[in-house]
């Protein structure tokens, strides 16, 4: 429950965004479909209660969930856009939006 992972956002085999030390379970539970931040915070409280010595970086976890959800949305809407963005353009836009440069 308190396990961490370095989460990569983007297409497999491409340069993407990496967020370190995030909760592996939070990402598995909350990034398949867009979720509200309150559910991530509730999960954080549960993990802290049952694994008080966890090493999860909760700010990084929330950031990763937000970026992954935005990435998923951009990929989905990109399929119907007239001007299609490639993965590198999507990643670049997300880096700017979340001040990751």
C-alpha atoms as a PDB file:
ATOM      1  CA  UNK A   1       0.000   0.000   0.000  1.00  0.00           C
ATOM      2  CA  UNK A   2       2.885   2.370   0.685  1.00  0.00           C
ATOM      3  CA  UNK A   3       4.937   1.392  -2.375  1.00  0.00           C
ATOM      4  CA  UNK A   4       6.374   4.047  -4.665  1.00  0.00           C
ATOM      5  CA  UNK A   5       7.294   4.208  -8.341  1.00  0.00           C
ATOM      6  CA  UNK A   6       8.840   6.646 -10.774  1.00  0.00           C
ATOM      7  CA  UNK A   7       5.829   7.263 -13.031  1.00  0.00           C
ATOM      8  CA  UNK A   8       6.392   7.924 -16.746  1.00  0.00           C
ATOM      9  CA  UNK A   9       3.736   9.779 -18.691  1.00  0.00           C
ATOM     10  CA  UNK A  10       3.748   9.459 -22.480  1.00  0.00           C
ATOM     11  CA  UNK A  11       4.010   6.821 -25.160  1.00  0.00           C
ATOM     12  CA  UNK A  12       6.111   3.775 -24.408  1.00  0.00           C
ATOM     13  CA  UNK A  13       9.602   4.124 -25.830  1.00  0.00           C
ATOM     14  CA  UNK A  14       9.377   7.900 -26.203  1.00  0.00           C
ATOM     15  CA  UNK A  15      10.609  10.782 -24.130  1.00  0.00           C
ATOM     16  CA  UNK A  16       7.935  11.607 -21.623  1.00  0.00           C
ATOM     17  CA  UNK A  17       7.454  13.177 -18.242  1.00  0.00           C
ATOM     18  CA  UNK A  18       8.801  11.301 -15.213  1.00  0.00           C
ATOM     19  CA  UNK A  19       7.550  12.060 -11.702  1.00  0.00           C
ATOM     20  CA  UNK A  20       9.555  10.326  -8.963  1.00  0.00           C
ATOM     21  CA  UNK A  21       8.472   8.766  -5.677  1.00  0.00           C
ATOM     22  CA  UNK A  22       4.742   8.596  -6.294  1.00  0.00           C
ATOM     23  CA  UNK A  23       2.229   6.116  -4.917  1.00  0.00           C
ATOM     24  CA  UNK A  24       1.955   3.177  -7.283  1.00  0.00           C
ATOM     25  CA  UNK A  25      -1.558   2.396  -6.047  1.00  0.00           C
ATOM     26  CA  UNK A  26      -2.820   5.954  -6.442  1.00  0.00           C
ATOM     27  CA  UNK A  27      -1.750   5.971 -10.050  1.00  0.00           C
ATOM     28  CA  UNK A  28      -3.308   2.578 -10.714  1.00  0.00           C
ATOM     29  CA  UNK A  29      -6.579   3.592  -9.073  1.00  0.00           C
ATOM     30  CA  UNK A  30      -6.994   7.170 -10.239  1.00  0.00           C
ATOM     31  CA  UNK A  31      -5.518   7.596 -13.725  1.00  0.00           C
ATOM     32  CA  UNK A  32      -7.547   5.245 -15.898  1.00  0.00           C
ATOM     33  CA  UNK A  33     -10.352   7.799 -15.933  1.00  0.00           C
ATOM     34  CA  UNK A  34     -10.216  11.390 -14.771  1.00  0.00           C
ATOM     35  CA  UNK A  35     -10.814  11.692 -11.049  1.00  0.00           C
ATOM     36  CA  UNK A  36     -11.373  14.481  -8.586  1.00  0.00           C
ATOM     37  CA  UNK A  37      -8.502  15.486  -6.323  1.00  0.00           C
ATOM     38  CA  UNK A  38     -10.593  14.835  -3.201  1.00  0.00           C
ATOM     39  CA  UNK A  39     -10.478  11.073  -3.875  1.00  0.00           C
ATOM     40  CA  UNK A  40      -6.708  11.123  -4.094  1.00  0.00           C
ATOM     41  CA  UNK A  41      -6.542  13.023  -0.800  1.00  0.00           C
ATOM     42  CA  UNK A  42      -8.889  10.485   0.837  1.00  0.00           C
ATOM     43  CA  UNK A  43      -6.658   7.664  -0.371  1.00  0.00           C
ATOM     44  CA  UNK A  44      -3.619   9.510   1.001  1.00  0.00           C
ATOM     45  CA  UNK A  45      -5.235   9.587   4.456  1.00  0.00           C
ATOM     46  CA  UNK A  46      -5.970   5.859   4.279  1.00  0.00           C
ATOM     47  CA  UNK A  47      -2.379   5.031   3.326  1.00  0.00           C
ATOM     48  CA  UNK A  48      -0.967   7.290   6.048  1.00  0.00           C
ATOM     49  CA  UNK A  49      -3.222   5.602   8.603  1.00  0.00           C
ATOM     50  CA  UNK A  50      -2.231   2.044   7.624  1.00  0.00           C
ATOM     51  CA  UNK A  51       1.382   2.709   6.521  1.00  0.00           C
ATOM     52  CA  UNK A  52       2.546   5.671   8.601  1.00  0.00           C
ATOM     53  CA  UNK A  53       6.204   5.104   7.656  1.00  0.00           C
ATOM     54  CA  UNK A  54       5.596   5.209   3.899  1.00  0.00           C
ATOM     55  CA  UNK A  55       7.993   7.197   1.704  1.00  0.00           C
ATOM     56  CA  UNK A  56       5.408   8.385  -0.792  1.00  0.00           C
ATOM     57  CA  UNK A  57       5.816  11.938  -2.021  1.00  0.00           C
ATOM     58  CA  UNK A  58       2.161  12.980  -1.957  1.00  0.00           C
ATOM     59  CA  UNK A  59       2.700  16.277  -3.769  1.00  0.00           C
ATOM     60  CA  UNK A  60       4.461  14.422  -6.578  1.00  0.00           C
ATOM     61  CA  UNK A  61       1.707  11.804  -6.567  1.00  0.00           C
ATOM     62  CA  UNK A  62      -1.001  14.452  -6.960  1.00  0.00           C
ATOM     63  CA  UNK A  63       1.018  16.125  -9.708  1.00  0.00           C
ATOM     64  CA  UNK A  64       1.460  12.819 -11.537  1.00  0.00           C
ATOM     65  CA  UNK A  65      -2.269  12.059 -11.330  1.00  0.00           C
ATOM     66  CA  UNK A  66      -3.107  15.512 -12.686  1.00  0.00           C
ATOM     67  CA  UNK A  67      -0.598  15.244 -15.533  1.00  0.00           C
ATOM     68  CA  UNK A  68      -1.654  11.684 -16.428  1.00  0.00           C
ATOM     69  CA  UNK A  69      -5.339  12.648 -16.445  1.00  0.00           C
ATOM     70  CA  UNK A  70      -4.591  15.659 -18.657  1.00  0.00           C
ATOM     71  CA  UNK A  71      -2.445  13.495 -20.955  1.00  0.00           C
ATOM     72  CA  UNK A  72      -5.242  10.922 -21.281  1.00  0.00           C
ATOM     73  CA  UNK A  73      -7.726  13.682 -22.112  1.00  0.00           C
ATOM     74  CA  UNK A  74      -5.421  15.230 -24.711  1.00  0.00           C
ATOM     75  CA  UNK A  75      -4.778  11.869 -26.382  1.00  0.00           C
ATOM     76  CA  UNK A  76      -8.514  11.108 -26.485  1.00  0.00           C
ATOM     77  CA  UNK A  77      -9.510  14.500 -27.899  1.00  0.00           C
ATOM     78  CA  UNK A  78      -6.571  14.493 -30.294  1.00  0.00           C
ATOM     79  CA  UNK A  79      -8.153  11.573 -32.152  1.00  0.00           C
ATOM     80  CA  UNK A  80     -11.005  13.798 -33.348  1.00  0.00           C
ATOM     81  CA  UNK A  81      -9.124  17.086 -33.785  1.00  0.00           C
ATOM     82  CA  UNK A  82      -8.471  18.331 -37.303  1.00  0.00           C
ATOM     83  CA  UNK A  83      -4.924  19.377 -36.368  1.00  0.00           C
ATOM     84  CA  UNK A  84      -3.424  16.298 -34.753  1.00  0.00           C
ATOM     85  CA  UNK A  85      -0.606  16.637 -32.235  1.00  0.00           C
ATOM     86  CA  UNK A  86       2.104  14.013 -31.976  1.00  0.00           C
ATOM     87  CA  UNK A  87       3.201  12.620 -28.618  1.00  0.00           C
ATOM     88  CA  UNK A  88       6.175  15.001 -28.392  1.00  0.00           C
ATOM     89  CA  UNK A  89       3.895  18.010 -28.870  1.00  0.00           C
ATOM     90  CA  UNK A  90       1.475  16.753 -26.222  1.00  0.00           C
ATOM     91  CA  UNK A  91       4.337  16.189 -23.757  1.00  0.00           C
ATOM     92  CA  UNK A  92       5.786  19.629 -24.543  1.00  0.00           C
ATOM     93  CA  UNK A  93       2.406  21.282 -23.907  1.00  0.00           C
ATOM     94  CA  UNK A  94       2.037  19.450 -20.593  1.00  0.00           C
ATOM     95  CA  UNK A  95       5.549  20.426 -19.477  1.00  0.00           C
ATOM     96  CA  UNK A  96       4.658  24.064 -20.118  1.00  0.00           C
ATOM     97  CA  UNK A  97       1.260  23.822 -18.437  1.00  0.00           C
ATOM     98  CA  UNK A  98       2.664  22.200 -15.292  1.00  0.00           C
ATOM     99  CA  UNK A  99       5.923  24.260 -15.282  1.00  0.00           C
ATOM    100  CA  UNK A 100       8.153  21.203 -15.642  1.00  0.00           C
ATOM    101  CA  UNK A 101      10.845  22.690 -17.894  1.00  0.00           C
END
